[in-house]
Amino acid sequence: SIKKLIRSLNIEDHITSHGYITGEGLDVLFDLADVAIGTLGIHRK
């Protein structure tokens, strides 16, 4: 559903999906990021 939404919004050029990643690869992503995304739909539960 998220993949479909990305396509429908035409924002593929702004999204990079790295798949499930741990270790040093994940550390690099954190170092390059400015802001992290937490849970934004907990009201749905």
PDB file of all heavy atoms in Angstrom:
ATOM      1  N   SER A   1       0.827  -1.215   0.000  1.00  0.00           N
ATOM      2  CA  SER A   1       0.000   0.000   0.000  1.00  0.00           C
ATOM      3  C   SER A   1       0.859   1.262   0.000  1.00  0.00           C
ATOM      4  O   SER A   1       0.519   2.254  -0.645  1.00  0.00           O
ATOM      5  CB  SER A   1      -0.940   0.001   1.203  1.00  0.00           C
ATOM      6  OG  SER A   1      -0.212  -0.019   2.421  1.00  0.00           O
ATOM      7  N   ILE A   2       1.993   1.226   0.699  1.00  0.00           N
ATOM      8  CA  ILE A   2       2.886   2.387   0.718  1.00  0.00           C
ATOM      9  C   ILE A   2       3.564   2.553  -0.641  1.00  0.00           C
ATOM     10  O   ILE A   2       3.701   3.681  -1.151  1.00  0.00           O
ATOM     11  CB  ILE A   2       3.932   2.249   1.841  1.00  0.00           C
ATOM     12  CG1 ILE A   2       3.271   2.400   3.216  1.00  0.00           C
ATOM     13  CG2 ILE A   2       5.042   3.283   1.682  1.00  0.00           C
ATOM     14  CD1 ILE A   2       2.687   3.768   3.491  1.00  0.00           C
ATOM     15  N   LYS A   3       3.982   1.445  -1.252  1.00  0.00           N
ATOM     16  CA  LYS A   3       4.580   1.523  -2.588  1.00  0.00           C
ATOM     17  C   LYS A   3       3.593   2.125  -3.580  1.00  0.00           C
ATOM     18  O   LYS A   3       3.962   2.964  -4.412  1.00  0.00           O
ATOM     19  CB  LYS A   3       5.007   0.133  -3.048  1.00  0.00           C
ATOM     20  CG  LYS A   3       6.182  -0.450  -2.290  1.00  0.00           C
ATOM     21  CD  LYS A   3       6.508  -1.852  -2.792  1.00  0.00           C
ATOM     22  CE  LYS A   3       7.667  -2.472  -2.024  1.00  0.00           C
ATOM     23  NZ  LYS A   3       7.952  -3.866  -2.484  1.00  0.00           N
ATOM     24  N   LYS A   4       2.341   1.695  -3.485  1.00  0.00           N
ATOM     25  CA  LYS A   4       1.310   2.210  -4.386  1.00  0.00           C
ATOM     26  C   LYS A   4       1.082   3.696  -4.162  1.00  0.00           C
ATOM     27  O   LYS A   4       0.930   4.461  -5.125  1.00  0.00           O
ATOM     28  CB  LYS A   4       0.011   1.437  -4.163  1.00  0.00           C
ATOM     29  CG  LYS A   4      -1.119   1.836  -5.084  1.00  0.00           C
ATOM     30  CD  LYS A   4      -2.365   0.975  -4.831  1.00  0.00           C
ATOM     31  CE  LYS A   4      -3.513   1.386  -5.736  1.00  0.00           C
ATOM     32  NZ  LYS A   4      -4.724   0.556  -5.478  1.00  0.00           N
ATOM     33  N   LEU A   5       1.097   4.116  -2.905  1.00  0.00           N
ATOM     34  CA  LEU A   5       0.888   5.530  -2.592  1.00  0.00           C
ATOM     35  C   LEU A   5       2.036   6.381  -3.129  1.00  0.00           C
ATOM     36  O   LEU A   5       1.809   7.471  -3.676  1.00  0.00           O
ATOM     37  CB  LEU A   5       0.753   5.713  -1.077  1.00  0.00           C
ATOM     38  CG  LEU A   5       0.514   7.143  -0.584  1.00  0.00           C
ATOM     39  CD1 LEU A   5      -0.774   7.710  -1.170  1.00  0.00           C
ATOM     40  CD2 LEU A   5       0.465   7.184   0.949  1.00  0.00           C
ATOM     41  N   ILE A   6       3.258   5.907  -2.989  1.00  0.00           N
ATOM     42  CA  ILE A   6       4.414   6.642  -3.505  1.00  0.00           C
ATOM     43  C   ILE A   6       4.277   6.861  -5.008  1.00  0.00           C
ATOM     44  O   ILE A   6       4.523   7.968  -5.519  1.00  0.00           O
ATOM     45  CB  ILE A   6       5.724   5.883  -3.180  1.00  0.00           C
ATOM     46  CG1 ILE A   6       5.987   5.910  -1.669  1.00  0.00           C
ATOM     47  CG2 ILE A   6       6.913   6.498  -3.932  1.00  0.00           C
ATOM     48  CD1 ILE A   6       7.124   5.003  -1.235  1.00  0.00           C
ATOM     49  N   ARG A   7       3.856   5.822  -5.728  1.00  0.00           N
ATOM     50  CA  ARG A   7       3.686   5.953  -7.180  1.00  0.00           C
ATOM     51  C   ARG A   7       2.553   6.916  -7.519  1.00  0.00           C
ATOM     52  O   ARG A   7       2.683   7.759  -8.419  1.00  0.00           O
ATOM     53  CB  ARG A   7       3.408   4.581  -7.795  1.00  0.00           C
ATOM     54  CG  ARG A   7       4.613   3.631  -7.777  1.00  0.00           C
ATOM     55  CD  ARG A   7       4.356   2.418  -8.681  1.00  0.00           C
ATOM     56  NE  ARG A   7       3.225   1.624  -8.207  1.00  0.00           N
ATOM     57  CZ  ARG A   7       3.334   0.601  -7.359  1.00  0.00           C
ATOM     58  NH1 ARG A   7       4.534   0.255  -6.894  1.00  0.00           N
ATOM     59  NH2 ARG A   7       2.259  -0.085  -6.987  1.00  0.00           N
ATOM     60  N   SER A   8       1.445   6.798  -6.798  1.00  0.00           N
ATOM     61  CA  SER A   8       0.289   7.643  -7.117  1.00  0.00           C
ATOM     62  C   SER A   8       0.561   9.117  -6.837  1.00  0.00           C
ATOM     63  O   SER A   8       0.007   9.994  -7.500  1.00  0.00           O
ATOM     64  CB  SER A   8      -0.939   7.172  -6.330  1.00  0.00           C
ATOM     65  OG  SER A   8      -0.779   7.406  -4.940  1.00  0.00           O
ATOM     66  N   LEU A   9       1.420   9.386  -5.863  1.00  0.00           N
ATOM     67  CA  LEU A   9       1.767  10.774  -5.525  1.00  0.00           C
ATOM     68  C   LEU A   9       2.892  11.315  -6.400  1.00  0.00           C
ATOM     69  O   LEU A   9       3.240  12.501  -6.302  1.00  0.00           O
ATOM     70  CB  LEU A   9       2.171  10.865  -4.051  1.00  0.00           C
ATOM     71  CG  LEU A   9       1.078  10.574  -3.015  1.00  0.00           C
ATOM     72  CD1 LEU A   9       1.662  10.559  -1.610  1.00  0.00           C
ATOM     73  CD2 LEU A   9      -0.048  11.601  -3.099  1.00  0.00           C
ATOM     74  N   ASN A  10       3.482  10.432  -7.211  1.00  0.00           N
ATOM     75  CA  ASN A  10       4.559  10.824  -8.127  1.00  0.00           C
ATOM     76  C   ASN A  10       5.759  11.426  -7.377  1.00  0.00           C
ATOM     77  O   ASN A  10       6.295  12.469  -7.763  1.00  0.00           O
ATOM     78  CB  ASN A  10       4.026  11.820  -9.172  1.00  0.00           C
ATOM     79  CG  ASN A  10       4.966  11.972 -10.355  1.00  0.00           C
ATOM     80  OD1 ASN A  10       5.708  11.049 -10.689  1.00  0.00           O
ATOM     81  ND2 ASN A  10       4.964  13.142 -10.969  1.00  0.00           N
ATOM     82  N   ILE A  11       6.171  10.759  -6.313  1.00  0.00           N
ATOM     83  CA  ILE A  11       7.314  11.244  -5.533  1.00  0.00           C
ATOM     84  C   ILE A  11       8.429  10.189  -5.463  1.00  0.00           C
ATOM     85  O   ILE A  11       9.251  10.214  -4.551  1.00  0.00           O
ATOM     86  CB  ILE A  11       6.891  11.656  -4.101  1.00  0.00           C
ATOM     87  CG1 ILE A  11       6.170  10.505  -3.388  1.00  0.00           C
ATOM     88  CG2 ILE A  11       6.020  12.908  -4.127  1.00  0.00           C
ATOM     89  CD1 ILE A  11       5.859  10.790  -1.927  1.00  0.00           C
ATOM     90  N   GLU A  12       8.461   9.293  -6.437  1.00  0.00           N
ATOM     91  CA  GLU A  12       9.471   8.227  -6.415  1.00  0.00           C
ATOM     92  C   GLU A  12      10.890   8.779  -6.352  1.00  0.00           C
ATOM     93  O   GLU A  12      11.763   8.175  -5.715  1.00  0.00           O
ATOM     94  CB  GLU A  12       9.343   7.335  -7.668  1.00  0.00           C
ATOM     95  CG  GLU A  12       8.042   6.545  -7.749  1.00  0.00           C
ATOM     96  CD  GLU A  12       7.040   7.212  -8.666  1.00  0.00           C
ATOM     97  OE1 GLU A  12       6.973   8.468  -8.657  1.00  0.00           O
ATOM     98  OE2 GLU A  12       6.343   6.481  -9.395  1.00  0.00           O
ATOM     99  N   ASP A  13      11.136   9.924  -7.003  1.00  0.00           N
ATOM    100  CA  ASP A  13      12.489  10.486  -7.040  1.00  0.00           C
ATOM    101  C   ASP A  13      12.956  10.992  -5.679  1.00  0.00           C
ATOM    102  O   ASP A  13      14.145  11.279  -5.505  1.00  0.00           O
ATOM    103  CB  ASP A  13      12.552  11.647  -8.043  1.00  0.00           C
ATOM    104  CG  ASP A  13      12.392  11.170  -9.487  1.00  0.00           C
ATOM    105  OD1 ASP A  13      12.537   9.954  -9.711  1.00  0.00           O
ATOM    106  OD2 ASP A  13      12.117  12.013 -10.352  1.00  0.00           O
ATOM    107  N   HIS A  14      12.018  11.093  -4.731  1.00  0.00           N
ATOM    108  CA  HIS A  14      12.367  11.609  -3.402  1.00  0.00           C
ATOM    109  C   HIS A  14      12.490  10.499  -2.356  1.00  0.00           C
ATOM    110  O   HIS A  14      12.797  10.777  -1.195  1.00  0.00           O
ATOM    111  CB  HIS A  14      11.316  12.619  -2.937  1.00  0.00           C
ATOM    112  CG  HIS A  14      11.217  13.830  -3.814  1.00  0.00           C
ATOM    113  ND1 HIS A  14      11.912  14.988  -3.545  1.00  0.00           N
ATOM    114  CD2 HIS A  14      10.521  14.050  -4.962  1.00  0.00           C
ATOM    115  CE1 HIS A  14      11.645  15.880  -4.484  1.00  0.00           C
ATOM    116  NE2 HIS A  14      10.803  15.335  -5.352  1.00  0.00           N
ATOM    117  N   ILE A  15      12.231   9.271  -2.764  1.00  0.00           N
ATOM    118  CA  ILE A  15      12.186   8.151  -1.822  1.00  0.00           C
ATOM    119  C   ILE A  15      13.287   7.144  -2.146  1.00  0.00           C
ATOM    120  O   ILE A  15      13.458   6.756  -3.304  1.00  0.00           O
ATOM    121  CB  ILE A  15      10.827   7.421  -1.869  1.00  0.00           C
ATOM    122  CG1 ILE A  15       9.659   8.424  -1.798  1.00  0.00           C
ATOM    123  CG2 ILE A  15      10.745   6.384  -0.761  1.00  0.00           C
ATOM    124  CD1 ILE A  15       9.560   9.194  -0.516  1.00  0.00           C
ATOM    125  N   THR A  16      14.022   6.724  -1.133  1.00  0.00           N
ATOM    126  CA  THR A  16      14.997   5.646  -1.287  1.00  0.00           C
ATOM    127  C   THR A  16      14.670   4.561  -0.278  1.00  0.00           C
ATOM    128  O   THR A  16      14.672   4.810   0.931  1.00  0.00           O
ATOM    129  CB  THR A  16      16.437   6.134  -1.050  1.00  0.00           C
ATOM    130  OG1 THR A  16      16.732   7.197  -1.946  1.00  0.00           O
ATOM    131  CG2 THR A  16      17.425   4.991  -1.275  1.00  0.00           C
ATOM    132  N   SER A  17      14.348   3.381  -0.776  1.00  0.00           N
ATOM    133  CA  SER A  17      14.039   2.251   0.100  1.00  0.00           C
ATOM    134  C   SER A  17      15.272   1.360   0.196  1.00  0.00           C
ATOM    135  O   SER A  17      15.749   0.826  -0.810  1.00  0.00           O
ATOM    136  CB  SER A  17      12.847   1.467  -0.461  1.00  0.00           C
ATOM    137  OG  SER A  17      12.573   0.347   0.363  1.00  0.00           O
ATOM    138  N   HIS A  18      15.784   1.204   1.402  1.00  0.00           N
ATOM    139  CA  HIS A  18      17.011   0.437   1.627  1.00  0.00           C
ATOM    140  C   HIS A  18      16.714  -0.996   2.053  1.00  0.00           C
ATOM    141  O   HIS A  18      17.650  -1.781   2.224  1.00  0.00           O
ATOM    142  CB  HIS A  18      17.863   1.123   2.700  1.00  0.00           C
ATOM    143  CG  HIS A  18      18.287   2.518   2.349  1.00  0.00           C
ATOM    144  ND1 HIS A  18      19.464   2.789   1.688  1.00  0.00           N
ATOM    145  CD2 HIS A  18      17.680   3.714   2.546  1.00  0.00           C
ATOM    146  CE1 HIS A  18      19.572   4.105   1.497  1.00  0.00           C
ATOM    147  NE2 HIS A  18      18.503   4.683   2.014  1.00  0.00           N
ATOM    148  N   GLY A  19      15.427  -1.336   2.253  1.00  0.00           N
ATOM    149  CA  GLY A  19      15.096  -2.650   2.769  1.00  0.00           C
ATOM    150  C   GLY A  19      15.503  -2.779   4.225  1.00  0.00           C
ATOM    151  O   GLY A  19      15.909  -1.804   4.865  1.00  0.00           O
ATOM    152  N   TYR A  20      15.360  -3.983   4.737  1.00  0.00           N
ATOM    153  CA  TYR A  20      15.733  -4.211   6.138  1.00  0.00           C
ATOM    154  C   TYR A  20      17.249  -4.135   6.265  1.00  0.00           C
ATOM    155  O   TYR A  20      17.978  -4.870   5.593  1.00  0.00           O
ATOM    156  CB  TYR A  20      15.227  -5.569   6.608  1.00  0.00           C
ATOM    157  CG  TYR A  20      15.488  -5.826   8.073  1.00  0.00           C
ATOM    158  CD1 TYR A  20      14.737  -5.182   9.048  1.00  0.00           C
ATOM    159  CD2 TYR A  20      16.499  -6.696   8.469  1.00  0.00           C
ATOM    160  CE1 TYR A  20      14.972  -5.410  10.386  1.00  0.00           C
ATOM    161  CE2 TYR A  20      16.745  -6.930   9.815  1.00  0.00           C
ATOM    162  CZ  TYR A  20      15.970  -6.282  10.772  1.00  0.00           C
ATOM    163  OH  TYR A  20      16.213  -6.498  12.094  1.00  0.00           O
ATOM    164  N   ILE A  21      17.742  -3.230   7.092  1.00  0.00           N
ATOM    165  CA  ILE A  21      19.172  -2.978   7.174  1.00  0.00           C
ATOM    166  C   ILE A  21      19.577  -2.786   8.634  1.00  0.00           C
ATOM    167  O   ILE A  21      18.833  -2.180   9.419  1.00  0.00           O
ATOM    168  CB  ILE A  21      19.559  -1.740   6.327  1.00  0.00           C
ATOM    169  CG1 ILE A  21      21.072  -1.512   6.336  1.00  0.00           C
ATOM    170  CG2 ILE A  21      18.821  -0.507   6.779  1.00  0.00           C
ATOM    171  CD1 ILE A  21      21.506  -0.436   5.356  1.00  0.00           C
ATOM    172  N   THR A  22      20.717  -3.320   9.012  1.00  0.00           N
ATOM    173  CA  THR A  22      21.224  -3.185  10.382  1.00  0.00           C
ATOM    174  C   THR A  22      22.714  -2.850  10.339  1.00  0.00           C
ATOM    175  O   THR A  22      23.312  -2.718   9.262  1.00  0.00           O
ATOM    176  CB  THR A  22      21.027  -4.490  11.172  1.00  0.00           C
ATOM    177  OG1 THR A  22      21.731  -5.553  10.509  1.00  0.00           O
ATOM    178  CG2 THR A  22      19.556  -4.868  11.269  1.00  0.00           C
ATOM    179  N   GLY A  23      23.311  -2.727  11.510  1.00  0.00           N
ATOM    180  CA  GLY A  23      24.758  -2.566  11.603  1.00  0.00           C
ATOM    181  C   GLY A  23      25.266  -1.257  11.036  1.00  0.00           C
ATOM    182  O   GLY A  23      24.609  -0.216  11.105  1.00  0.00           O
ATOM    183  N   GLU A  24      26.445  -1.315  10.439  1.00  0.00           N
ATOM    184  CA  GLU A  24      27.120  -0.110   9.960  1.00  0.00           C
ATOM    185  C   GLU A  24      26.331   0.597   8.865  1.00  0.00           C
ATOM    186  O   GLU A  24      26.356   1.828   8.776  1.00  0.00           O
ATOM    187  CB  GLU A  24      28.520  -0.456   9.464  1.00  0.00           C
ATOM    188  CG  GLU A  24      29.474  -0.916  10.578  1.00  0.00           C
ATOM    189  CD  GLU A  24      30.858  -1.214  10.054  1.00  0.00           C
ATOM    190  OE1 GLU A  24      31.088  -1.042   8.827  1.00  0.00           O
ATOM    191  OE2 GLU A  24      31.732  -1.601  10.860  1.00  0.00           O
ATOM    192  N   GLY A  25      25.634  -0.188   8.049  1.00  0.00           N
ATOM    193  CA  GLY A  25      24.828   0.427   7.001  1.00  0.00           C
ATOM    194  C   GLY A  25      23.750   1.330   7.572  1.00  0.00           C
ATOM    195  O   GLY A  25      23.503   2.429   7.065  1.00  0.00           O
ATOM    196  N   LEU A  26      23.104   0.878   8.643  1.00  0.00           N
ATOM    197  CA  LEU A  26      22.085   1.692   9.298  1.00  0.00           C
ATOM    198  C   LEU A  26      22.716   2.891   9.997  1.00  0.00           C
ATOM    199  O   LEU A  26      22.158   3.996   9.978  1.00  0.00           O
ATOM    200  CB  LEU A  26      21.303   0.840  10.299  1.00  0.00           C
ATOM    201  CG  LEU A  26      20.146   1.528  11.024  1.00  0.00           C
ATOM    202  CD1 LEU A  26      19.116   2.067  10.041  1.00  0.00           C
ATOM    203  CD2 LEU A  26      19.478   0.559  12.004  1.00  0.00           C
ATOM    204  N   ASP A  27      23.880   2.694  10.595  1.00  0.00           N
ATOM    205  CA  ASP A  27      24.583   3.802  11.263  1.00  0.00           C
ATOM    206  C   ASP A  27      24.856   4.937  10.281  1.00  0.00           C
ATOM    207  O   ASP A  27      24.710   6.121  10.617  1.00  0.00           O
ATOM    208  CB  ASP A  27      25.899   3.314  11.877  1.00  0.00           C
ATOM    209  CG  ASP A  27      25.711   2.245  12.940  1.00  0.00           C
ATOM    210  OD1 ASP A  27      24.588   2.137  13.475  1.00  0.00           O
ATOM    211  OD2 ASP A  27      26.683   1.526  13.229  1.00  0.00           O
ATOM    212  N   VAL A  28      25.251   4.587   9.060  1.00  0.00           N
ATOM    213  CA  VAL A  28      25.533   5.595   8.035  1.00  0.00           C
ATOM    214  C   VAL A  28      24.276   6.393   7.711  1.00  0.00           C
ATOM    215  O   VAL A  28      24.332   7.627   7.562  1.00  0.00           O
ATOM    216  CB  VAL A  28      26.103   4.931   6.762  1.00  0.00           C
ATOM    217  CG1 VAL A  28      26.149   5.929   5.603  1.00  0.00           C
ATOM    218  CG2 VAL A  28      27.491   4.364   7.033  1.00  0.00           C
ATOM    219  N   LEU A  29      23.136   5.709   7.605  1.00  0.00           N
ATOM    220  CA  LEU A  29      21.885   6.408   7.310  1.00  0.00           C
ATOM    221  C   LEU A  29      21.546   7.411   8.410  1.00  0.00           C
ATOM    222  O   LEU A  29      21.081   8.524   8.131  1.00  0.00           O
ATOM    223  CB  LEU A  29      20.741   5.403   7.140  1.00  0.00           C
ATOM    224  CG  LEU A  29      20.790   4.504   5.905  1.00  0.00           C
ATOM    225  CD1 LEU A  29      19.571   3.587   5.860  1.00  0.00           C
ATOM    226  CD2 LEU A  29      20.874   5.325   4.625  1.00  0.00           C
ATOM    227  N   PHE A  30      21.755   7.028   9.651  1.00  0.00           N
ATOM    228  CA  PHE A  30      21.499   7.953  10.754  1.00  0.00           C
ATOM    229  C   PHE A  30      22.427   9.167  10.680  1.00  0.00           C
ATOM    230  O   PHE A  30      21.995  10.307  10.899  1.00  0.00           O
ATOM    231  CB  PHE A  30      21.671   7.249  12.092  1.00  0.00           C
ATOM    232  CG  PHE A  30      20.413   6.583  12.598  1.00  0.00           C
ATOM    233  CD1 PHE A  30      20.263   5.213  12.513  1.00  0.00           C
ATOM    234  CD2 PHE A  30      19.390   7.334  13.156  1.00  0.00           C
ATOM    235  CE1 PHE A  30      19.105   4.593  12.974  1.00  0.00           C
ATOM    236  CE2 PHE A  30      18.228   6.731  13.612  1.00  0.00           C
ATOM    237  CZ  PHE A  30      18.082   5.360  13.522  1.00  0.00           C
ATOM    238  N   ASP A  31      23.683   8.933  10.362  1.00  0.00           N
ATOM    239  CA  ASP A  31      24.642  10.042  10.296  1.00  0.00           C
ATOM    240  C   ASP A  31      24.287  11.023   9.188  1.00  0.00           C
ATOM    241  O   ASP A  31      24.557  12.230   9.291  1.00  0.00           O
ATOM    242  CB  ASP A  31      26.060   9.506  10.085  1.00  0.00           C
ATOM    243  CG  ASP A  31      26.607   8.799  11.313  1.00  0.00           C
ATOM    244  OD1 ASP A  31      26.068   9.020  12.420  1.00  0.00           O
ATOM    245  OD2 ASP A  31      27.578   8.029  11.176  1.00  0.00           O
ATOM    246  N   LEU A  32      23.681  10.535   8.104  1.00  0.00           N
ATOM    247  CA  LEU A  32      23.339  11.392   6.970  1.00  0.00           C
ATOM    248  C   LEU A  32      21.999  12.089   7.142  1.00  0.00           C
ATOM    249  O   LEU A  32      21.694  13.029   6.393  1.00  0.00           O
ATOM    250  CB  LEU A  32      23.312  10.558   5.683  1.00  0.00           C
ATOM    251  CG  LEU A  32      24.662  10.000   5.205  1.00  0.00           C
ATOM    252  CD1 LEU A  32      24.459   9.096   4.000  1.00  0.00           C
ATOM    253  CD2 LEU A  32      25.628  11.124   4.874  1.00  0.00           C
ATOM    254  N   ALA A  33      21.178  11.638   8.110  1.00  0.00           N
ATOM    255  CA  ALA A  33      19.816  12.165   8.253  1.00  0.00           C
ATOM    256  C   ALA A  33      19.774  13.406   9.141  1.00  0.00           C
ATOM    257  O   ALA A  33      20.621  13.604  10.020  1.00  0.00           O
ATOM    258  CB  ALA A  33      18.906  11.086   8.827  1.00  0.00           C
ATOM    259  N   ASP A  34      18.751  14.223   8.893  1.00  0.00           N
ATOM    260  CA  ASP A  34      18.509  15.416   9.716  1.00  0.00           C
ATOM    261  C   ASP A  34      17.440  15.157  10.764  1.00  0.00           C
ATOM    262  O   ASP A  34      17.558  15.597  11.909  1.00  0.00           O
ATOM    263  CB  ASP A  34      18.060  16.588   8.830  1.00  0.00           C
ATOM    264  CG  ASP A  34      19.089  16.953   7.777  1.00  0.00           C
ATOM    265  OD1 ASP A  34      20.177  17.397   8.150  1.00  0.00           O
ATOM    266  OD2 ASP A  34      18.784  16.769   6.578  1.00  0.00           O
ATOM    267  N   VAL A  35      16.381  14.462  10.356  1.00  0.00           N
ATOM    268  CA  VAL A  35      15.222  14.223  11.229  1.00  0.00           C
ATOM    269  C   VAL A  35      14.738  12.792  11.006  1.00  0.00           C
ATOM    270  O   VAL A  35      14.696  12.316   9.863  1.00  0.00           O
ATOM    271  CB  VAL A  35      14.077  15.218  10.922  1.00  0.00           C
ATOM    272  CG1 VAL A  35      12.849  14.917  11.777  1.00  0.00           C
ATOM    273  CG2 VAL A  35      14.541  16.654  11.141  1.00  0.00           C
ATOM    274  N   ALA A  36      14.371  12.114  12.085  1.00  0.00           N
ATOM    275  CA  ALA A  36      13.840  10.746  11.991  1.00  0.00           C
ATOM    276  C   ALA A  36      12.319  10.772  12.114  1.00  0.00           C
ATOM    277  O   ALA A  36      11.743  11.673  12.729  1.00  0.00           O
ATOM    278  CB  ALA A  36      14.444   9.865  13.078  1.00  0.00           C
ATOM    279  N   ILE A  37      11.676   9.764  11.530  1.00  0.00           N
ATOM    280  CA  ILE A  37      10.221   9.651  11.539  1.00  0.00           C
ATOM    281  C   ILE A  37       9.801   8.623  12.576  1.00  0.00           C
ATOM    282  O   ILE A  37      10.177   7.456  12.496  1.00  0.00           O
ATOM    283  CB  ILE A  37       9.685   9.216  10.157  1.00  0.00           C
ATOM    284  CG1 ILE A  37      10.204  10.137   9.053  1.00  0.00           C
ATOM    285  CG2 ILE A  37       8.157   9.175  10.179  1.00  0.00           C
ATOM    286  CD1 ILE A  37       9.780  11.571   9.197  1.00  0.00           C
ATOM    287  N   GLY A  38       9.037   9.073  13.563  1.00  0.00           N
ATOM    288  CA  GLY A  38       8.489   8.166  14.560  1.00  0.00           C
ATOM    289  C   GLY A  38       7.105   7.681  14.138  1.00  0.00           C
ATOM    290  O   GLY A  38       6.724   7.758  12.968  1.00  0.00           O
ATOM    291  N   THR A  39       6.332   7.199  15.086  1.00  0.00           N
ATOM    292  CA  THR A  39       4.984   6.700  14.807  1.00  0.00           C
ATOM    293  C   THR A  39       4.010   7.868  14.678  1.00  0.00           C
ATOM    294  O   THR A  39       3.919   8.710  15.570  1.00  0.00           O
ATOM    295  CB  THR A  39       4.532   5.741  15.918  1.00  0.00           C
ATOM    296  OG1 THR A  39       5.458   4.648  15.974  1.00  0.00           O
ATOM    297  CG2 THR A  39       3.151   5.201  15.640  1.00  0.00           C
ATOM    298  N   LEU A  40       3.260   7.881  13.578  1.00  0.00           N
ATOM    299  CA  LEU A  40       2.363   8.998  13.278  1.00  0.00           C
ATOM    300  C   LEU A  40       0.914   8.559  13.082  1.00  0.00           C
ATOM    301  O   LEU A  40       0.090   9.352  12.656  1.00  0.00           O
ATOM    302  CB  LEU A  40       2.855   9.716  12.007  1.00  0.00           C
ATOM    303  CG  LEU A  40       4.246  10.349  12.115  1.00  0.00           C
ATOM    304  CD1 LEU A  40       4.731  10.825  10.755  1.00  0.00           C
ATOM    305  CD2 LEU A  40       4.239  11.496  13.115  1.00  0.00           C
ATOM    306  N   GLY A  41       0.620   7.304  13.410  1.00  0.00           N
ATOM    307  CA  GLY A  41      -0.753   6.825  13.242  1.00  0.00           C
ATOM    308  C   GLY A  41      -1.244   6.019  14.420  1.00  0.00           C
ATOM    309  O   GLY A  41      -2.125   5.166  14.269  1.00  0.00           O
ATOM    310  N   ILE A  42      -0.710   6.288  15.595  1.00  0.00           N
ATOM    311  CA  ILE A  42      -1.094   5.489  16.763  1.00  0.00           C
ATOM    312  C   ILE A  42      -2.554   5.723  17.132  1.00  0.00           C
ATOM    313  O   ILE A  42      -3.197   4.870  17.756  1.00  0.00           O
ATOM    314  CB  ILE A  42      -0.150   5.781  17.948  1.00  0.00           C
ATOM    315  CG1 ILE A  42      -0.078   4.559  18.866  1.00  0.00           C
ATOM    316  CG2 ILE A  42      -0.555   7.031  18.706  1.00  0.00           C
ATOM    317  CD1 ILE A  42       1.075   4.610  19.850  1.00  0.00           C
ATOM    318  N   HIS A  43      -3.116   6.864  16.707  1.00  0.00           N
ATOM    319  CA  HIS A  43      -4.543   7.126  16.946  1.00  0.00           C
ATOM    320  C   HIS A  43      -5.426   6.133  16.199  1.00  0.00           C
ATOM    321  O   HIS A  43      -6.587   5.932  16.571  1.00  0.00           O
ATOM    322  CB  HIS A  43      -4.888   8.559  16.529  1.00  0.00           C
ATOM    323  CG  HIS A  43      -4.623   8.846  15.085  1.00  0.00           C
ATOM    324  ND1 HIS A  43      -3.367   9.157  14.604  1.00  0.00           N
ATOM    325  CD2 HIS A  43      -5.447   8.852  14.007  1.00  0.00           C
ATOM    326  CE1 HIS A  43      -3.431   9.360  13.300  1.00  0.00           C
ATOM    327  NE2 HIS A  43      -4.682   9.183  12.912  1.00  0.00           N
ATOM    328  N   ARG A  44      -4.883   5.495  15.167  1.00  0.00           N
ATOM    329  CA  ARG A  44      -5.639   4.495  14.421  1.00  0.00           C
ATOM    330  C   ARG A  44      -5.876   3.233  15.240  1.00  0.00           C
ATOM    331  O   ARG A  44      -6.734   2.425  14.902  1.00  0.00           O
ATOM    332  CB  ARG A  44      -4.905   4.165  13.121  1.00  0.00           C
ATOM    333  CG  ARG A  44      -4.821   5.360  12.173  1.00  0.00           C
ATOM    334  CD  ARG A  44      -3.876   5.127  11.007  1.00  0.00           C
ATOM    335  NE  ARG A  44      -3.814   6.313  10.149  1.00  0.00           N
ATOM    336  CZ  ARG A  44      -2.957   6.469   9.151  1.00  0.00           C
ATOM    337  NH1 ARG A  44      -2.081   5.508   8.878  1.00  0.00           N
ATOM    338  NH2 ARG A  44      -2.958   7.582   8.427  1.00  0.00           N
ATOM    339  N   LYS A  45      -5.110   3.083  16.306  1.00  0.00           N
ATOM    340  CA  LYS A  45      -5.314   1.969  17.245  1.00  0.00           C
ATOM    341  C   LYS A  45      -6.112   2.433  18.461  1.00  0.00           C
ATOM    342  O   LYS A  45      -6.125   1.769  19.486  1.00  0.00           O
ATOM    343  CB  LYS A  45      -3.954   1.425  17.690  1.00  0.00           C
ATOM    344  CG  LYS A  45      -3.123   0.864  16.564  1.00  0.00           C
ATOM    345  CD  LYS A  45      -1.683   0.583  16.981  1.00  0.00           C
ATOM    346  CE  LYS A  45      -1.580  -0.604  17.886  1.00  0.00           C
ATOM    347  NZ  LYS A  45      -0.152  -0.983  18.153  1.00  0.00           N
TER     348      LYS A  45
END
